[in-house]
N, C-alpha and C. Protein backbone atom coordinates (compact mmCIF):
# COMPACT_ATOMS: atom_id res chain seq x y z
N MET A 1 18.41 -176.36 -99.29
CA MET A 1 17.13 -175.68 -99.40
C MET A 1 17.34 -174.28 -99.97
N THR A 2 16.50 -173.89 -100.88
CA THR A 2 16.57 -172.58 -101.52
C THR A 2 15.76 -171.58 -100.71
N SER A 3 16.34 -170.39 -100.51
CA SER A 3 15.60 -169.35 -99.78
C SER A 3 14.48 -168.83 -100.68
N PRO A 4 13.39 -168.32 -100.07
CA PRO A 4 12.26 -167.82 -100.89
C PRO A 4 12.67 -166.74 -101.87
N GLY A 5 13.56 -165.83 -101.47
CA GLY A 5 14.01 -164.76 -102.35
C GLY A 5 14.75 -165.29 -103.56
N ALA A 6 15.64 -166.28 -103.33
CA ALA A 6 16.40 -166.85 -104.44
C ALA A 6 15.48 -167.61 -105.39
N ALA A 7 14.46 -168.29 -104.85
CA ALA A 7 13.54 -169.05 -105.69
C ALA A 7 12.79 -168.12 -106.64
N GLN A 8 12.42 -166.93 -106.18
CA GLN A 8 11.70 -165.99 -107.03
C GLN A 8 12.57 -165.48 -108.17
N LEU A 9 13.88 -165.51 -107.99
CA LEU A 9 14.79 -165.05 -109.05
C LEU A 9 14.73 -165.95 -110.29
N PHE A 10 14.34 -167.20 -110.12
CA PHE A 10 14.26 -168.09 -111.28
C PHE A 10 13.24 -167.58 -112.29
N ASP A 11 12.22 -166.84 -111.82
CA ASP A 11 11.23 -166.26 -112.72
C ASP A 11 11.83 -165.14 -113.58
N GLU A 12 12.98 -164.62 -113.17
CA GLU A 12 13.61 -163.50 -113.88
C GLU A 12 14.64 -163.95 -114.91
N LEU A 13 14.87 -165.26 -115.05
CA LEU A 13 15.87 -165.76 -116.00
C LEU A 13 15.58 -165.24 -117.40
N ASP A 14 16.64 -164.84 -118.08
CA ASP A 14 16.62 -164.35 -119.46
C ASP A 14 15.97 -162.97 -119.60
N LYS A 15 15.68 -162.30 -118.50
CA LYS A 15 15.14 -160.94 -118.54
C LYS A 15 16.27 -159.95 -118.32
N LYS A 16 16.08 -158.75 -118.83
CA LYS A 16 17.07 -157.68 -118.65
C LYS A 16 16.83 -157.05 -117.27
N LEU A 17 17.87 -157.09 -116.44
CA LEU A 17 17.76 -156.61 -115.07
C LEU A 17 18.76 -155.50 -114.78
N MET A 18 18.39 -154.67 -113.82
CA MET A 18 19.30 -153.69 -113.23
C MET A 18 19.63 -154.21 -111.84
N VAL A 19 20.93 -154.23 -111.51
CA VAL A 19 21.37 -154.71 -110.20
C VAL A 19 22.21 -153.61 -109.56
N TYR A 20 21.80 -153.19 -108.35
CA TYR A 20 22.55 -152.19 -107.60
C TYR A 20 23.34 -152.93 -106.53
N LEU A 21 24.66 -152.71 -106.51
CA LEU A 21 25.55 -153.45 -105.62
C LEU A 21 25.91 -152.65 -104.37
N ARG A 22 26.38 -153.37 -103.35
CA ARG A 22 26.78 -152.74 -102.09
C ARG A 22 27.83 -151.67 -102.27
N ASP A 23 28.71 -151.83 -103.23
CA ASP A 23 29.77 -150.84 -103.44
C ASP A 23 29.31 -149.63 -104.24
N GLY A 24 28.01 -149.58 -104.57
CA GLY A 24 27.46 -148.42 -105.26
C GLY A 24 27.40 -148.54 -106.77
N ARG A 25 27.92 -149.61 -107.33
CA ARG A 25 27.87 -149.77 -108.78
C ARG A 25 26.48 -150.22 -109.23
N THR A 26 26.13 -149.83 -110.45
CA THR A 26 24.88 -150.24 -111.08
C THR A 26 25.22 -151.04 -112.33
N LEU A 27 24.72 -152.27 -112.38
CA LEU A 27 24.95 -153.15 -113.52
C LEU A 27 23.62 -153.43 -114.21
N ILE A 28 23.66 -153.53 -115.52
CA ILE A 28 22.48 -153.89 -116.31
C ILE A 28 22.88 -155.01 -117.25
N GLY A 29 22.12 -156.10 -117.21
CA GLY A 29 22.42 -157.23 -118.08
C GLY A 29 21.30 -158.25 -118.05
N TYR A 30 21.48 -159.31 -118.82
CA TYR A 30 20.48 -160.38 -118.91
C TYR A 30 20.83 -161.48 -117.93
N LEU A 31 19.88 -161.81 -117.05
CA LEU A 31 20.10 -162.84 -116.05
C LEU A 31 20.13 -164.20 -116.73
N ARG A 32 21.26 -164.89 -116.61
CA ARG A 32 21.41 -166.20 -117.25
C ARG A 32 21.41 -167.34 -116.25
N SER A 33 21.81 -167.05 -115.00
CA SER A 33 21.86 -168.13 -114.01
C SER A 33 21.74 -167.54 -112.61
N VAL A 34 21.16 -168.35 -111.72
CA VAL A 34 21.04 -167.98 -110.32
C VAL A 34 21.11 -169.28 -109.51
N ASP A 35 21.65 -169.21 -108.29
CA ASP A 35 21.70 -170.42 -107.46
C ASP A 35 20.99 -170.18 -106.14
N GLN A 36 21.08 -171.17 -105.23
CA GLN A 36 20.35 -171.10 -103.97
C GLN A 36 20.83 -169.99 -103.06
N PHE A 37 22.01 -169.41 -103.33
CA PHE A 37 22.55 -168.32 -102.52
C PHE A 37 22.29 -166.95 -103.16
N ALA A 38 21.50 -166.95 -104.22
CA ALA A 38 21.18 -165.75 -104.99
C ALA A 38 22.41 -165.17 -105.70
N ASN A 39 23.43 -166.00 -105.93
CA ASN A 39 24.53 -165.59 -106.79
C ASN A 39 23.98 -165.49 -108.20
N LEU A 40 24.41 -164.47 -108.94
CA LEU A 40 23.86 -164.20 -110.26
C LEU A 40 24.92 -164.26 -111.33
N VAL A 41 24.52 -164.65 -112.53
CA VAL A 41 25.37 -164.52 -113.72
C VAL A 41 24.60 -163.64 -114.70
N LEU A 42 25.18 -162.48 -115.02
CA LEU A 42 24.60 -161.58 -116.00
C LEU A 42 25.38 -161.68 -117.30
N HIS A 43 24.67 -161.62 -118.41
CA HIS A 43 25.26 -161.70 -119.75
C HIS A 43 25.02 -160.37 -120.46
N ARG A 44 25.95 -159.98 -121.35
CA ARG A 44 25.85 -158.69 -122.05
C ARG A 44 25.68 -157.56 -121.03
N THR A 45 26.51 -157.59 -120.02
CA THR A 45 26.40 -156.64 -118.91
C THR A 45 27.09 -155.33 -119.23
N ILE A 46 26.46 -154.24 -118.76
CA ILE A 46 27.09 -152.92 -118.79
C ILE A 46 27.11 -152.39 -117.35
N GLU A 47 28.11 -151.58 -117.06
CA GLU A 47 28.12 -150.84 -115.80
C GLU A 47 27.68 -149.43 -116.14
N ARG A 48 26.62 -148.96 -115.50
CA ARG A 48 26.08 -147.63 -115.79
C ARG A 48 26.52 -146.69 -114.67
N ILE A 49 27.15 -145.59 -115.07
CA ILE A 49 27.61 -144.58 -114.12
C ILE A 49 26.76 -143.33 -114.31
N HIS A 50 26.15 -142.86 -113.21
CA HIS A 50 25.30 -141.66 -113.25
C HIS A 50 26.02 -140.52 -112.54
N VAL A 51 26.02 -139.36 -113.16
CA VAL A 51 26.48 -138.13 -112.52
C VAL A 51 25.50 -137.04 -112.95
N GLY A 52 24.72 -136.55 -112.00
CA GLY A 52 23.71 -135.56 -112.33
C GLY A 52 22.71 -136.13 -113.31
N LYS A 53 22.47 -135.42 -114.39
CA LYS A 53 21.50 -135.84 -115.41
C LYS A 53 22.18 -136.57 -116.58
N ARG A 54 23.44 -136.95 -116.38
CA ARG A 54 24.18 -137.65 -117.44
C ARG A 54 24.54 -139.06 -116.99
N TYR A 55 24.73 -139.94 -117.97
CA TYR A 55 25.18 -141.29 -117.64
C TYR A 55 26.07 -141.82 -118.76
N GLY A 56 26.88 -142.79 -118.41
CA GLY A 56 27.74 -143.47 -119.37
C GLY A 56 27.72 -144.95 -119.09
N ASP A 57 27.87 -145.75 -120.13
CA ASP A 57 27.85 -147.21 -120.00
C ASP A 57 29.21 -147.79 -120.37
N ILE A 58 29.68 -148.70 -119.53
CA ILE A 58 30.93 -149.41 -119.78
C ILE A 58 30.58 -150.88 -119.99
N ASP A 59 30.97 -151.43 -121.14
CA ASP A 59 30.71 -152.85 -121.41
C ASP A 59 31.52 -153.71 -120.45
N ARG A 60 30.85 -154.70 -119.83
CA ARG A 60 31.51 -155.61 -118.87
C ARG A 60 31.39 -157.07 -119.28
N GLY A 61 30.55 -157.39 -120.28
CA GLY A 61 30.43 -158.77 -120.75
C GLY A 61 29.69 -159.65 -119.76
N VAL A 62 30.23 -160.85 -119.51
CA VAL A 62 29.65 -161.78 -118.55
C VAL A 62 30.13 -161.36 -117.16
N PHE A 63 29.19 -161.28 -116.22
CA PHE A 63 29.52 -160.76 -114.89
C PHE A 63 28.92 -161.69 -113.85
N VAL A 64 29.74 -162.20 -112.94
CA VAL A 64 29.28 -163.06 -111.86
C VAL A 64 29.19 -162.19 -110.60
N ILE A 65 28.03 -162.22 -109.94
CA ILE A 65 27.78 -161.39 -108.77
C ILE A 65 27.44 -162.29 -107.59
N ARG A 66 28.17 -162.12 -106.52
CA ARG A 66 27.87 -162.85 -105.29
C ARG A 66 26.58 -162.28 -104.69
N GLY A 67 25.66 -163.16 -104.32
CA GLY A 67 24.34 -162.74 -103.85
C GLY A 67 24.37 -161.76 -102.70
N GLU A 68 25.33 -161.89 -101.79
CA GLU A 68 25.38 -161.00 -100.63
C GLU A 68 25.74 -159.57 -100.99
N ASN A 69 26.20 -159.34 -102.22
CA ASN A 69 26.56 -157.99 -102.66
C ASN A 69 25.42 -157.25 -103.35
N VAL A 70 24.29 -157.92 -103.54
CA VAL A 70 23.14 -157.30 -104.21
C VAL A 70 22.30 -156.54 -103.19
N VAL A 71 22.09 -155.26 -103.46
CA VAL A 71 21.24 -154.43 -102.61
C VAL A 71 19.83 -154.37 -103.21
N LEU A 72 19.77 -154.19 -104.52
CA LEU A 72 18.49 -154.00 -105.19
C LEU A 72 18.58 -154.60 -106.58
N LEU A 73 17.47 -155.16 -107.03
CA LEU A 73 17.46 -155.76 -108.36
C LEU A 73 16.06 -155.62 -108.93
N GLY A 74 15.98 -155.30 -110.21
CA GLY A 74 14.67 -155.16 -110.83
C GLY A 74 14.75 -155.28 -112.34
N GLU A 75 13.61 -155.62 -112.93
CA GLU A 75 13.54 -155.77 -114.38
C GLU A 75 13.54 -154.41 -115.05
N ILE A 76 14.24 -154.32 -116.16
CA ILE A 76 14.32 -153.08 -116.95
C ILE A 76 13.15 -153.05 -117.93
N ASP A 77 12.42 -151.96 -117.95
CA ASP A 77 11.37 -151.72 -118.95
C ASP A 77 12.09 -151.04 -120.13
N GLU A 78 12.28 -151.78 -121.20
CA GLU A 78 13.09 -151.27 -122.31
C GLU A 78 12.46 -150.07 -123.01
N VAL A 79 11.13 -149.96 -123.00
CA VAL A 79 10.47 -148.80 -123.60
C VAL A 79 10.78 -147.55 -122.78
N LYS A 80 10.66 -147.66 -121.47
CA LYS A 80 10.96 -146.51 -120.61
C LYS A 80 12.45 -146.17 -120.65
N GLU A 81 13.29 -147.18 -120.78
CA GLU A 81 14.73 -146.93 -120.84
C GLU A 81 15.10 -146.09 -122.06
N GLU A 82 14.43 -146.35 -123.18
CA GLU A 82 14.70 -145.58 -124.41
C GLU A 82 14.24 -144.13 -124.29
N ASN A 83 13.23 -143.88 -123.46
CA ASN A 83 12.66 -142.54 -123.33
C ASN A 83 13.13 -141.82 -122.07
N THR A 84 14.31 -142.14 -121.61
CA THR A 84 14.83 -141.53 -120.38
C THR A 84 15.18 -140.05 -120.61
N PRO A 85 14.96 -139.20 -119.60
CA PRO A 85 15.33 -137.79 -119.73
C PRO A 85 16.83 -137.56 -119.51
N LEU A 86 17.56 -138.62 -119.20
CA LEU A 86 19.00 -138.49 -118.97
C LEU A 86 19.76 -138.45 -120.29
N GLU A 87 20.91 -137.79 -120.26
CA GLU A 87 21.75 -137.67 -121.45
C GLU A 87 22.88 -138.69 -121.41
N GLN A 88 23.00 -139.50 -122.45
CA GLN A 88 24.10 -140.45 -122.51
C GLN A 88 25.33 -139.75 -123.06
N VAL A 89 26.47 -139.95 -122.37
CA VAL A 89 27.73 -139.36 -122.79
C VAL A 89 28.78 -140.46 -122.92
N SER A 90 29.94 -140.11 -123.45
CA SER A 90 31.00 -141.09 -123.65
C SER A 90 31.56 -141.58 -122.31
N ILE A 91 32.23 -142.71 -122.35
CA ILE A 91 32.85 -143.28 -121.16
C ILE A 91 33.84 -142.29 -120.56
N GLU A 92 34.64 -141.66 -121.42
CA GLU A 92 35.64 -140.71 -120.94
C GLU A 92 34.98 -139.54 -120.21
N GLU A 93 33.91 -139.01 -120.79
CA GLU A 93 33.21 -137.88 -120.17
C GLU A 93 32.62 -138.24 -118.81
N ILE A 94 31.98 -139.41 -118.73
CA ILE A 94 31.33 -139.77 -117.47
C ILE A 94 32.36 -140.10 -116.40
N LEU A 95 33.48 -140.72 -116.79
CA LEU A 95 34.53 -141.01 -115.80
C LEU A 95 35.16 -139.73 -115.27
N GLU A 96 35.33 -138.75 -116.14
CA GLU A 96 35.87 -137.45 -115.70
C GLU A 96 34.87 -136.75 -114.78
N ALA A 97 33.59 -136.78 -115.13
CA ALA A 97 32.56 -136.16 -114.29
C ALA A 97 32.48 -136.86 -112.94
N GLN A 98 32.63 -138.18 -112.94
CA GLN A 98 32.61 -138.95 -111.69
C GLN A 98 33.81 -138.57 -110.81
N ARG A 99 34.98 -138.43 -111.41
CA ARG A 99 36.18 -138.05 -110.66
C ARG A 99 36.00 -136.67 -110.02
N ILE A 100 35.48 -135.72 -110.79
CA ILE A 100 35.25 -134.36 -110.29
C ILE A 100 34.24 -134.38 -109.13
N GLU A 101 33.17 -135.16 -109.28
CA GLU A 101 32.15 -135.27 -108.23
C GLU A 101 32.74 -135.86 -106.95
N GLN A 102 33.58 -136.89 -107.09
CA GLN A 102 34.21 -137.50 -105.91
C GLN A 102 35.15 -136.51 -105.22
N GLU A 103 35.90 -135.74 -105.99
CA GLU A 103 36.79 -134.73 -105.41
C GLU A 103 35.98 -133.66 -104.67
N ARG A 104 34.87 -133.25 -105.25
CA ARG A 104 34.01 -132.25 -104.62
C ARG A 104 33.47 -132.76 -103.28
N ARG A 105 33.05 -134.02 -103.25
CA ARG A 105 32.54 -134.61 -102.00
C ARG A 105 33.63 -134.69 -100.94
N GLN A 106 34.85 -135.06 -101.36
CA GLN A 106 35.96 -135.13 -100.40
C GLN A 106 36.26 -133.76 -99.82
N GLU A 107 36.24 -132.73 -100.65
CA GLU A 107 36.48 -131.37 -100.17
C GLU A 107 35.40 -130.96 -99.17
N GLN A 108 34.14 -131.29 -99.44
CA GLN A 108 33.06 -130.97 -98.52
C GLN A 108 33.25 -131.69 -97.19
N GLU A 109 33.65 -132.94 -97.22
CA GLU A 109 33.89 -133.70 -95.99
C GLU A 109 35.01 -133.07 -95.18
N GLN A 110 36.08 -132.63 -95.86
CA GLN A 110 37.19 -131.99 -95.16
C GLN A 110 36.75 -130.68 -94.52
N LEU A 111 35.93 -129.90 -95.22
CA LEU A 111 35.41 -128.65 -94.66
C LEU A 111 34.54 -128.91 -93.44
N ARG A 112 33.68 -129.92 -93.51
CA ARG A 112 32.83 -130.27 -92.36
C ARG A 112 33.68 -130.66 -91.17
N ALA A 113 34.69 -131.50 -91.42
CA ALA A 113 35.55 -131.96 -90.34
C ALA A 113 36.27 -130.79 -89.69
N ARG A 114 36.80 -129.88 -90.49
CA ARG A 114 37.50 -128.71 -89.96
C ARG A 114 36.55 -127.83 -89.17
N PHE A 115 35.35 -127.59 -89.69
CA PHE A 115 34.32 -126.78 -89.03
C PHE A 115 34.00 -127.35 -87.64
N MET A 116 33.78 -128.66 -87.58
CA MET A 116 33.44 -129.31 -86.31
C MET A 116 34.61 -129.27 -85.33
N LYS A 117 35.81 -129.52 -85.83
CA LYS A 117 37.00 -129.53 -84.97
C LYS A 117 37.22 -128.14 -84.36
N GLU A 118 37.03 -127.09 -85.16
CA GLU A 118 37.20 -125.72 -84.66
C GLU A 118 36.23 -125.41 -83.53
N ARG A 119 35.13 -126.10 -83.49
CA ARG A 119 34.13 -125.87 -82.45
C ARG A 119 34.21 -126.90 -81.33
N GLY A 120 35.27 -127.71 -81.37
CA GLY A 120 35.50 -128.69 -80.32
C GLY A 120 34.58 -129.90 -80.37
N LEU A 121 34.01 -130.14 -81.54
CA LEU A 121 33.10 -131.26 -81.70
C LEU A 121 33.78 -132.39 -82.46
N GLN A 122 33.38 -133.60 -82.13
CA GLN A 122 33.93 -134.76 -82.84
C GLN A 122 33.13 -134.97 -84.11
N TYR A 123 33.81 -135.27 -85.19
CA TYR A 123 33.14 -135.43 -86.48
C TYR A 123 33.35 -136.85 -86.99
N THR A 124 32.27 -137.47 -87.40
CA THR A 124 32.33 -138.77 -88.04
C THR A 124 31.88 -138.58 -89.48
N ALA A 125 32.71 -139.00 -90.40
CA ALA A 125 32.40 -138.84 -91.83
C ALA A 125 31.09 -139.55 -92.17
N GLU A 126 30.44 -139.04 -93.21
CA GLU A 126 29.20 -139.66 -93.67
C GLU A 126 29.46 -141.10 -94.08
N ILE A 127 28.43 -141.89 -94.00
CA ILE A 127 28.53 -143.30 -94.38
C ILE A 127 28.63 -143.40 -95.89
N GLY A 128 29.63 -144.12 -96.37
CA GLY A 128 29.80 -144.34 -97.80
C GLY A 128 29.25 -145.69 -98.20
N PRO A 129 29.24 -145.99 -99.50
CA PRO A 129 28.69 -147.26 -99.98
C PRO A 129 29.37 -148.48 -99.34
N ASP A 130 30.68 -148.38 -99.03
CA ASP A 130 31.38 -149.52 -98.45
C ASP A 130 31.00 -149.75 -97.00
N ASP A 131 30.43 -148.75 -96.33
CA ASP A 131 30.09 -148.84 -94.92
C ASP A 131 28.65 -149.24 -94.66
N MET A 132 27.87 -149.40 -95.71
CA MET A 132 26.42 -149.60 -95.55
C MET A 132 26.08 -150.95 -94.95
N TYR A 133 26.86 -151.99 -95.22
CA TYR A 133 26.45 -153.33 -94.82
C TYR A 133 27.55 -154.05 -94.10
C-alpha cells in the first residue's frame, strides 16, 4: 500500500524540485521516479550551497534519495529562480565561504561552552542537522 504522501509525489514527476535533506544539503533536480516509500530519483541534479547572500551549485547528475532523508520538497518556479536577489559564485568560492562559516560556528560553540563552564553550568551544544531526526 502506498502512503498518501508518496502517492501525491507522482503528480510531481518530471517537474523541477528542490529537496532539503536531513543532513542539511539542498538538492535541485528533475523528479524522474518515486516509489511507495517516497524514495526519489532526481535527474540533472545540482547541490546548492548557500552562505549569506551567495550560493554555488555543484553538478551531481542522477541522485537517488532515500525517502526518510527528505525534510522538505517543493516545485521550483523557474521564473522566480532566475530573478533571485542572491549572487551566484564559483564552486571554489562557495566551498571556501562554507568552510569559514563552519569554523566561525565552531569557535562560537567553544566560547559558549567555556563561558558556561566558568559559571559552573552544564552546556549542551546546539542541535545540528545530524541531530534533528
